[in-house]
Amino acid sequence: MTRTSLTPVRGISRRLLLRGAAAGAVGAALAPMAFPLWARDLPASWGNATSFNAALDTAVAEGQIVGVTAIVVQDGKIVHRHAAGFADREAGRLMHENEACRLASMTKPIVSLTALALADKGKLHLDDPVHRWLPDFRPKLADGSTPDITIQHLLTHTAGLNYGFLEKPDGPYHRLGVSDGLETSGLTLDENIRRIAAAPLLFTPGSAWHYSLATDVLGGVLERVTEKPLPDAVKEHVTAPLGMDDTRFVAPVGARLAIPYYDASPQPKPMSDPFALPFAQSAVIYSPARAFDANAFPSGGAGLVGTAEDYVRFAEAIRMGGAGIISPQTARAMTTNAVGNLAITAAGPGYGWGLGVCVVKDPAVAGVPMARGSWMWSGIYGTHFWVDPVRRLTVVVLTNTAVAGMSGLFPQSVREAVYAG
């Protein structure tokens, strides 16, 4: 991506600040319970309920996934909910409609929204260099030069950073002991960011796209901007205003939280702690107990737990124009491709990337039934969601099975069921 290709969104980053005091008035007018969505009485039927339920039930029966809870929203109202399988198979505990699951990378859009909310309030700008807020964060290129990395680079995964599981076991992130935010590391957020900064950049910021720990670094920025721990910043600016009471970085002891499983034959198996799942060039290291560990650093890229209903609140707030959390203009910028024709390697051809979410650029090339401009993401514990603004549709699907609930046959069958007929 050239500097020129960033110009439209960089311009928006300044114009966002024009909202001023009006933001508070808008937020008050759109309090959480103002959404018609939260009515508990569902319509008598949704046209694709049978095919949707069959997709979920079949995946459970065939042993693709252990448990699932899902919600479909049309025109701002919940039109269907379904839960199937087990939250804890060994204990015989069924998956509940309001079961909390580990969101993993579905944390990223929520933390990104927090950053955009602060930008709207004039607390930071998308073209700010990261070192304005984190003075010691100055990673170098392989040639030893030190380029500027901006907030927008972090939001768009064009900073040149990496993930440990996306490099070989002898790569720099492994050698430096960088945490991917899923395992129990004993590190603080500041220490993890220091280690990330010590690794060489993969490319000049803005010149390519690569999925990375950028949102974890963004979390460190938000702590400096707000002078609060990241969980408090997210709660103040996003989850509390939207009534997302079950979304948090640390689950209470005894909370209803689905047991995580991993793909195995003939059926998924419970994760140990820690658990290494071969993935990409090395492995994803999970620590399921991290969700209950108040001493674990808050991972802006992977740390939240939450429910499908909470995530619907988040997604619908953006779809309907920001709900006072961000302006309608900012909501459009967040969900519009901001990286030109850079290859989104984690998603494939036909996709772009906005300010924190994956965007469908060409449905035919992507091989999806969603409309152009739909936006989405997933989590490596086995979750995914998408929003189709053309059809005014939001679907949130949380499973407890990695990685089948995130990619492959299951999400494909869910999409086909939603768009059947």
Protein backbone atom coordinates (compact mmCIF):
# COMPACT_ATOMS: atom_id res chain seq x y z
CA MET A 1 0.00 0.00 0.00
CA THR A 2 1.39 3.36 -0.96
CA ARG A 3 1.12 6.50 1.07
CA THR A 4 -1.43 7.77 -1.44
CA SER A 5 -3.69 4.77 -0.90
CA LEU A 6 -3.97 5.66 2.76
CA THR A 7 -5.06 9.23 2.13
CA PRO A 8 -8.90 8.85 2.23
CA VAL A 9 -8.95 7.19 5.62
CA ARG A 10 -6.18 9.39 7.00
CA GLY A 11 -8.33 12.38 6.05
CA ILE A 12 -11.27 10.87 7.86
CA SER A 13 -9.16 10.50 10.99
CA ARG A 14 -9.13 14.30 11.31
CA ARG A 15 -12.71 14.88 10.24
CA LEU A 16 -13.96 12.46 12.89
CA LEU A 17 -13.10 15.05 15.50
CA LEU A 18 -15.77 17.46 14.26
CA ARG A 19 -18.44 15.64 16.20
CA GLY A 20 -17.43 17.39 19.43
CA ALA A 21 -20.00 17.59 22.16
CA ALA A 22 -22.70 16.10 19.94
CA ALA A 23 -21.32 12.64 20.62
CA GLY A 24 -22.62 12.60 24.16
CA ALA A 25 -26.11 13.63 23.05
CA VAL A 26 -26.22 10.93 20.40
CA GLY A 27 -25.01 8.32 22.87
CA ALA A 28 -27.71 9.27 25.37
CA ALA A 29 -30.37 9.03 22.68
CA LEU A 30 -29.26 5.54 21.72
CA ALA A 31 -28.93 3.83 25.08
CA PRO A 32 -28.65 0.03 24.84
CA MET A 33 -32.29 -0.77 25.46
CA ALA A 34 -33.38 1.67 22.75
CA PHE A 35 -32.58 -0.94 20.11
CA PRO A 36 -35.67 -2.94 19.03
CA LEU A 37 -33.26 -5.87 18.76
CA TRP A 38 -33.40 -6.76 22.42
CA ALA A 39 -37.05 -7.76 22.52
CA ARG A 40 -37.19 -11.33 23.79
CA ASP A 41 -40.25 -12.37 21.78
CA LEU A 42 -39.05 -13.88 18.52
CA PRO A 43 -41.25 -13.94 15.41
CA ALA A 44 -43.27 -17.07 14.79
CA SER A 45 -40.79 -18.23 12.17
CA TRP A 46 -37.75 -17.16 10.19
CA GLY A 47 -37.76 -18.48 6.67
CA ASN A 48 -34.42 -20.25 6.92
CA ALA A 49 -34.73 -21.51 10.50
CA THR A 50 -35.01 -25.15 9.42
CA SER A 51 -31.90 -25.10 7.24
CA PHE A 52 -29.97 -23.06 9.80
CA ASN A 53 -30.81 -25.42 12.67
CA ALA A 54 -29.98 -28.39 10.47
CA ALA A 55 -26.53 -26.97 9.72
CA LEU A 56 -25.77 -26.57 13.42
CA ASP A 57 -27.34 -29.85 14.53
CA THR A 58 -25.66 -31.85 11.77
CA ALA A 59 -22.24 -30.45 12.65
CA VAL A 60 -22.77 -31.60 16.25
CA ALA A 61 -24.15 -35.00 15.27
CA GLU A 62 -21.28 -35.66 12.87
CA GLY A 63 -18.67 -34.68 15.44
CA GLN A 64 -17.40 -31.58 13.63
CA ILE A 65 -18.07 -29.44 16.68
CA VAL A 66 -19.03 -30.15 20.29
CA GLY A 67 -21.37 -27.26 21.02
CA VAL A 68 -22.68 -24.09 19.39
CA THR A 69 -24.85 -21.09 20.21
CA ALA A 70 -25.95 -18.76 17.42
CA ILE A 71 -28.13 -15.72 16.76
CA VAL A 72 -29.52 -14.31 13.52
CA VAL A 73 -30.60 -10.67 13.34
CA GLN A 74 -32.63 -9.17 10.49
CA ASP A 75 -33.55 -5.50 10.24
CA GLY A 76 -32.40 -4.84 13.80
CA LYS A 77 -34.41 -7.62 15.44
CA ILE A 78 -33.40 -11.07 16.59
CA VAL A 79 -35.29 -13.42 14.27
CA HIS A 80 -33.72 -16.69 15.34
CA ARG A 81 -31.56 -18.26 18.06
CA HIS A 82 -30.37 -21.81 18.36
CA ALA A 83 -28.08 -23.78 20.66
CA ALA A 84 -26.95 -27.33 20.08
CA GLY A 85 -24.52 -29.83 21.54
CA PHE A 86 -22.54 -29.55 24.75
CA ALA A 87 -20.84 -26.76 26.63
CA ASP A 88 -19.15 -29.52 28.66
CA ARG A 89 -19.57 -32.90 26.98
CA GLU A 90 -17.87 -34.92 29.70
CA ALA A 91 -20.10 -33.41 32.39
CA GLY A 92 -23.21 -33.68 30.20
CA ARG A 93 -23.83 -29.91 30.34
CA LEU A 94 -25.73 -28.74 27.28
CA MET A 95 -24.81 -25.59 25.38
CA HIS A 96 -27.09 -22.75 26.47
CA GLU A 97 -28.32 -19.92 24.24
CA ASN A 98 -26.48 -17.41 26.44
CA GLU A 99 -23.33 -19.50 26.99
CA ALA A 100 -20.11 -17.49 27.19
CA CYS A 101 -17.26 -18.60 24.93
CA ARG A 102 -13.65 -17.57 24.48
CA LEU A 103 -13.75 -15.02 21.65
CA ALA A 104 -10.03 -15.08 20.74
CA SER A 105 -9.56 -12.87 17.65
CA MET A 106 -13.16 -11.69 17.72
CA THR A 107 -11.69 -9.47 20.46
CA LYS A 108 -9.92 -7.41 17.78
CA PRO A 109 -12.97 -5.58 16.36
CA ILE A 110 -14.09 -4.58 19.88
CA VAL A 111 -10.67 -3.16 20.80
CA SER A 112 -10.50 -1.47 17.39
CA LEU A 113 -13.87 0.14 18.06
CA THR A 114 -12.50 1.43 21.37
CA ALA A 115 -9.65 3.12 19.50
CA LEU A 116 -12.06 4.67 16.99
CA ALA A 117 -14.28 5.92 19.80
CA LEU A 118 -11.28 7.68 21.30
CA ALA A 119 -10.40 9.10 17.87
CA ASP A 120 -13.91 10.51 17.56
CA LYS A 121 -13.44 12.18 20.93
CA GLY A 122 -10.17 13.73 19.78
CA LYS A 123 -8.05 11.71 22.19
CA LEU A 124 -5.86 10.27 19.41
CA HIS A 125 -5.57 10.37 15.62
CA LEU A 126 -5.25 7.53 13.17
CA ASP A 127 -2.11 9.07 11.69
CA ASP A 128 -0.41 9.41 15.08
CA PRO A 129 2.88 7.51 15.19
CA VAL A 130 2.66 4.73 17.75
CA HIS A 131 5.80 6.03 19.47
CA ARG A 132 3.87 9.17 20.43
CA TRP A 133 2.09 6.99 22.97
CA LEU A 134 4.64 4.20 23.39
CA PRO A 135 8.02 6.01 23.11
CA ASP A 136 10.06 2.81 23.21
CA PHE A 137 8.07 1.08 20.48
CA ARG A 138 10.44 1.62 17.56
CA PRO A 139 10.90 -1.75 15.77
CA LYS A 140 13.39 -1.76 12.94
CA LEU A 141 13.42 -3.13 9.43
CA ALA A 142 15.96 -5.77 8.42
CA ASP A 143 18.22 -3.00 7.07
CA GLY A 144 18.34 -1.34 10.50
CA SER A 145 16.16 1.65 9.61
CA THR A 146 13.31 2.70 11.94
CA PRO A 147 10.13 3.63 10.06
CA ASP A 148 7.12 5.26 11.66
CA ILE A 149 4.20 2.96 12.49
CA THR A 150 0.84 4.70 12.83
CA ILE A 151 -2.36 3.86 14.66
CA GLN A 152 -3.94 3.15 11.28
CA HIS A 153 -1.19 0.65 10.49
CA LEU A 154 -2.12 -1.19 13.67
CA LEU A 155 -5.85 -1.13 12.86
CA THR A 156 -5.27 -2.42 9.34
CA HIS A 157 -2.52 -5.01 10.08
CA THR A 158 -0.13 -3.20 7.76
CA ALA A 159 2.45 -2.41 10.47
CA GLY A 160 4.87 -5.19 9.55
CA LEU A 161 4.34 -7.12 12.78
CA ASN A 162 3.77 -10.86 13.11
CA TYR A 163 2.30 -13.65 15.24
CA GLY A 164 4.44 -16.37 16.73
CA PHE A 165 2.23 -19.10 15.30
CA LEU A 166 2.70 -17.63 11.82
CA GLU A 167 6.48 -17.99 11.89
CA LYS A 168 8.76 -21.00 12.11
CA PRO A 169 9.64 -22.32 15.59
CA ASP A 170 13.09 -20.73 15.38
CA GLY A 171 11.73 -17.32 14.32
CA PRO A 172 12.40 -14.08 16.19
CA TYR A 173 9.07 -14.01 18.06
CA HIS A 174 9.81 -17.47 19.44
CA ARG A 175 13.39 -16.55 20.32
CA LEU A 176 12.24 -13.39 22.12
CA GLY A 177 9.49 -15.21 24.00
CA VAL A 178 6.68 -13.07 22.57
CA SER A 179 3.22 -14.12 23.74
CA ASP A 180 0.41 -14.49 21.18
CA GLY A 181 -2.06 -13.57 23.91
CA LEU A 182 -3.67 -17.01 24.15
CA GLU A 183 -1.31 -18.75 26.56
CA THR A 184 -0.30 -18.12 30.16
CA SER A 185 3.04 -16.35 29.80
CA GLY A 186 3.60 -14.49 33.07
CA LEU A 187 4.34 -11.36 31.05
CA THR A 188 2.87 -7.91 31.50
CA LEU A 189 1.38 -6.12 28.50
CA ASP A 190 4.26 -3.62 28.56
CA GLU A 191 6.85 -6.41 28.57
CA ASN A 192 5.17 -8.24 25.71
CA ILE A 193 5.08 -5.05 23.64
CA ARG A 194 8.77 -4.48 24.43
CA ARG A 195 9.55 -7.94 23.06
CA ILE A 196 7.45 -7.34 19.94
CA ALA A 197 9.41 -4.12 19.32
CA ALA A 198 12.69 -6.04 19.56
CA ALA A 199 11.78 -8.26 16.59
CA PRO A 200 12.51 -7.02 13.04
CA LEU A 201 9.59 -5.79 10.98
CA LEU A 202 8.47 -8.01 8.11
CA PHE A 203 8.10 -5.07 5.71
CA THR A 204 7.88 -1.30 5.50
CA PRO A 205 4.66 -0.24 7.27
CA GLY A 206 1.85 0.28 4.78
CA SER A 207 3.47 -1.73 1.99
CA ALA A 208 1.81 -5.10 2.72
CA TRP A 209 -0.80 -6.80 4.89
CA HIS A 210 0.04 -9.45 7.50
CA TYR A 211 -2.10 -10.71 10.36
CA SER A 212 -0.35 -9.89 13.59
CA LEU A 213 -0.17 -8.80 17.21
CA ALA A 214 -0.90 -5.25 16.07
CA THR A 215 -4.13 -5.12 18.10
CA ASP A 216 -2.23 -6.13 21.24
CA VAL A 217 0.07 -3.17 20.63
CA LEU A 218 -3.02 -1.04 20.04
CA GLY A 219 -4.23 -2.15 23.47
CA GLY A 220 -1.03 -0.75 24.97
CA VAL A 221 -1.66 2.55 23.16
CA LEU A 222 -5.19 2.72 24.56
CA GLU A 223 -3.86 2.26 28.08
CA ARG A 224 -1.61 5.29 27.60
CA VAL A 225 -4.31 7.39 25.93
CA THR A 226 -6.91 6.71 28.64
CA GLU A 227 -4.47 6.29 31.56
CA LYS A 228 -6.49 3.20 32.47
CA PRO A 229 -6.01 -0.56 32.14
CA LEU A 230 -7.26 -1.84 28.78
CA PRO A 231 -10.25 -3.71 30.29
CA ASP A 232 -11.45 -0.46 31.89
CA ALA A 233 -11.01 1.49 28.66
CA VAL A 234 -12.97 -1.08 26.65
CA LYS A 235 -15.70 -1.21 29.26
CA GLU A 236 -16.04 2.57 29.50
CA HIS A 237 -16.11 3.28 25.78
CA VAL A 238 -17.77 0.19 24.30
CA THR A 239 -19.12 -2.67 26.38
CA ALA A 240 -20.86 -0.70 29.16
CA PRO A 241 -22.61 1.78 26.82
CA LEU A 242 -23.82 -1.14 24.67
CA GLY A 243 -24.98 -3.22 27.62
CA MET A 244 -22.47 -6.01 26.88
CA ASP A 245 -22.46 -7.16 30.48
CA ASP A 246 -21.08 -10.65 29.80
CA THR A 247 -18.09 -9.52 27.72
CA ARG A 248 -14.88 -9.15 29.71
CA PHE A 249 -11.20 -10.02 29.81
CA VAL A 250 -11.46 -12.11 32.97
CA ALA A 251 -14.38 -14.48 33.54
CA PRO A 252 -15.67 -14.67 37.12
CA VAL A 253 -14.89 -17.90 38.94
CA GLY A 254 -17.81 -20.26 38.39
CA ALA A 255 -19.02 -18.38 35.31
CA ARG A 256 -20.93 -20.25 32.61
CA LEU A 257 -18.06 -20.64 30.12
CA ALA A 258 -17.96 -23.38 27.52
CA ILE A 259 -15.17 -25.97 27.81
CA PRO A 260 -12.81 -25.72 24.79
CA TYR A 261 -12.16 -28.68 22.47
CA TYR A 262 -9.87 -29.29 19.51
CA ASP A 263 -10.38 -31.08 16.21
CA ALA A 264 -9.74 -34.81 16.47
CA SER A 265 -11.09 -38.08 15.07
CA PRO A 266 -13.61 -39.57 15.56
CA GLN A 267 -14.70 -36.57 17.66
CA PRO A 268 -13.11 -33.44 19.13
CA LYS A 269 -11.16 -33.81 22.37
CA PRO A 270 -10.97 -31.48 25.39
CA MET A 271 -7.95 -29.18 25.42
CA SER A 272 -5.30 -29.72 28.04
CA ASP A 273 -3.68 -26.68 29.65
CA PRO A 274 -1.46 -25.71 27.95
CA PHE A 275 -2.38 -27.18 24.59
CA ALA A 276 -0.41 -26.89 21.34
CA LEU A 277 -2.40 -27.07 18.11
CA PRO A 278 -0.26 -27.40 14.95
CA PHE A 279 -1.13 -24.39 12.82
CA ALA A 280 0.49 -22.52 9.93
CA GLN A 281 4.28 -22.69 10.35
CA SER A 282 4.35 -23.75 14.01
CA ALA A 283 1.54 -24.07 16.55
CA VAL A 284 -1.06 -22.09 18.43
CA ILE A 285 -0.44 -22.42 22.16
CA TYR A 286 -3.66 -22.26 24.17
CA SER A 287 -4.17 -21.94 27.90
CA PRO A 288 -7.92 -22.27 28.57
CA ALA A 289 -7.40 -21.27 32.23
CA ARG A 290 -6.16 -17.85 31.04
CA ALA A 291 -9.79 -16.74 30.75
CA PHE A 292 -10.05 -16.88 34.57
CA ASP A 293 -6.58 -15.47 35.32
CA ALA A 294 -6.75 -11.91 36.63
CA ASN A 295 -2.95 -11.74 36.47
CA ALA A 296 -2.76 -12.47 32.72
CA PHE A 297 -2.15 -9.37 30.65
CA PRO A 298 -5.22 -8.18 28.70
CA SER A 299 -4.67 -9.24 25.10
CA GLY A 300 -6.29 -6.74 22.76
CA GLY A 301 -6.12 -9.30 20.00
CA ALA A 302 -7.40 -12.41 21.74
CA GLY A 303 -8.37 -11.91 25.38
CA LEU A 304 -12.13 -11.45 25.65
CA VAL A 305 -14.85 -13.90 26.60
CA GLY A 306 -18.45 -13.16 25.77
CA THR A 307 -21.87 -14.31 24.60
CA ALA A 308 -23.51 -14.33 21.19
CA GLU A 309 -26.11 -11.83 22.34
CA ASP A 310 -23.44 -9.42 23.54
CA TYR A 311 -21.58 -9.71 20.26
CA VAL A 312 -24.78 -9.05 18.34
CA ARG A 313 -25.14 -5.81 20.32
CA PHE A 314 -21.65 -4.80 19.20
CA ALA A 315 -22.09 -5.73 15.54
CA GLU A 316 -25.54 -4.18 15.21
CA ALA A 317 -24.38 -0.96 16.86
CA ILE A 318 -21.84 -0.51 14.09
CA ARG A 319 -24.21 -1.64 11.33
CA MET A 320 -26.80 0.91 12.47
CA GLY A 321 -24.35 3.80 12.39
CA GLY A 322 -22.28 3.61 15.56
CA ALA A 323 -24.97 3.94 18.25
CA GLY A 324 -23.23 6.99 19.68
CA ILE A 325 -20.05 5.01 20.33
CA ILE A 326 -18.67 6.28 17.02
CA SER A 327 -20.18 8.51 14.36
CA PRO A 328 -21.91 7.06 11.29
CA GLN A 329 -18.98 8.32 9.22
CA THR A 330 -16.52 6.46 11.43
CA ALA A 331 -18.67 3.32 11.32
CA ARG A 332 -18.52 3.44 7.52
CA ALA A 333 -14.75 3.92 7.61
CA MET A 334 -14.34 1.00 10.01
CA THR A 335 -16.22 -1.37 7.71
CA THR A 336 -14.86 -0.16 4.35
CA ASN A 337 -11.73 -1.57 2.73
CA ALA A 338 -8.81 0.68 3.72
CA VAL A 339 -5.86 -1.22 2.25
CA GLY A 340 -6.40 -0.97 -1.48
CA ASN A 341 -5.44 -4.13 -3.34
CA LEU A 342 -3.12 -5.58 -0.72
CA ALA A 343 -3.53 -9.35 -0.40
CA ILE A 344 -5.38 -10.35 2.78
CA THR A 345 -3.51 -13.60 3.25
CA ALA A 346 -5.48 -14.73 6.29
CA ALA A 347 -8.76 -14.59 4.34
CA GLY A 348 -7.85 -15.07 0.68
CA PRO A 349 -8.75 -13.45 -2.65
CA GLY A 350 -11.81 -11.25 -2.79
CA TYR A 351 -11.30 -9.70 0.65
CA GLY A 352 -10.04 -6.38 1.94
CA TRP A 353 -9.52 -4.98 5.43
CA GLY A 354 -11.12 -2.02 7.17
CA LEU A 355 -10.23 -0.43 10.49
CA GLY A 356 -10.41 -3.64 12.50
CA VAL A 357 -12.55 -6.00 10.41
CA CYS A 358 -12.28 -8.10 7.23
CA VAL A 359 -14.37 -6.76 4.33
CA VAL A 360 -15.82 -8.59 1.32
CA LYS A 361 -14.59 -6.79 -1.80
CA ASP A 362 -15.76 -9.34 -4.40
CA PRO A 363 -18.19 -12.06 -3.25
CA ALA A 364 -17.69 -14.15 -6.39
CA VAL A 365 -13.92 -14.23 -6.00
CA ALA A 366 -14.22 -14.82 -2.25
CA GLY A 367 -16.73 -17.60 -2.86
CA VAL A 368 -19.26 -16.34 -0.32
CA PRO A 369 -23.00 -15.59 -0.58
CA MET A 370 -22.71 -12.30 1.33
CA ALA A 371 -23.11 -8.98 -0.46
CA ARG A 372 -20.18 -6.80 -1.41
CA GLY A 373 -19.24 -4.67 1.60
CA SER A 374 -20.13 -7.33 4.18
CA TRP A 375 -17.68 -7.46 7.08
CA MET A 376 -16.66 -10.18 9.50
CA TRP A 377 -14.02 -12.00 11.46
CA SER A 378 -13.48 -15.18 13.49
CA GLY A 379 -11.69 -16.54 16.56
CA ILE A 380 -9.31 -19.47 16.80
CA TYR A 381 -11.20 -21.08 19.69
CA GLY A 382 -13.92 -21.74 17.09
CA THR A 383 -16.11 -18.64 16.61
CA HIS A 384 -17.17 -16.44 13.71
CA PHE A 385 -19.57 -13.65 12.78
CA TRP A 386 -20.54 -11.56 9.79
CA VAL A 387 -22.64 -8.51 8.98
CA ASP A 388 -24.30 -8.09 5.58
CA PRO A 389 -25.31 -4.41 5.40
CA VAL A 390 -27.12 -4.81 2.07
CA ARG A 391 -29.47 -7.43 3.50
CA ARG A 392 -29.45 -5.76 6.95
CA LEU A 393 -28.32 -9.08 8.41
CA THR A 394 -26.05 -10.01 11.32
CA VAL A 395 -25.10 -13.58 12.25
CA VAL A 396 -23.01 -14.56 15.29
CA VAL A 397 -21.94 -18.19 15.75
CA LEU A 398 -19.94 -19.21 18.81
CA THR A 399 -18.65 -22.77 19.16
CA ASN A 400 -16.20 -24.33 21.59
CA THR A 401 -14.29 -26.31 18.96
CA ALA A 402 -10.97 -25.23 17.43
CA VAL A 403 -10.61 -24.74 14.63
CA ALA A 404 -13.65 -26.31 12.96
CA GLY A 405 -15.97 -23.66 14.36
CA MET A 406 -13.89 -20.95 12.68
CA SER A 407 -12.98 -22.26 9.23
CA GLY A 408 -13.77 -25.03 6.80
CA LEU A 409 -16.95 -27.02 6.26
CA PHE A 410 -18.93 -25.79 9.27
CA PRO A 411 -18.92 -22.01 8.68
CA GLN A 412 -19.46 -22.67 4.98
CA SER A 413 -22.57 -24.73 5.71
CA VAL A 414 -23.84 -22.06 8.12
CA ARG A 415 -23.51 -19.35 5.46
CA GLU A 416 -25.27 -21.50 2.88
CA ALA A 417 -28.13 -22.17 5.32
CA VAL A 418 -28.59 -18.46 6.12
CA TYR A 419 -28.78 -17.54 2.45
CA ALA A 420 -30.77 -20.58 1.31
CA GLY A 421 -33.51 -19.68 -1.14
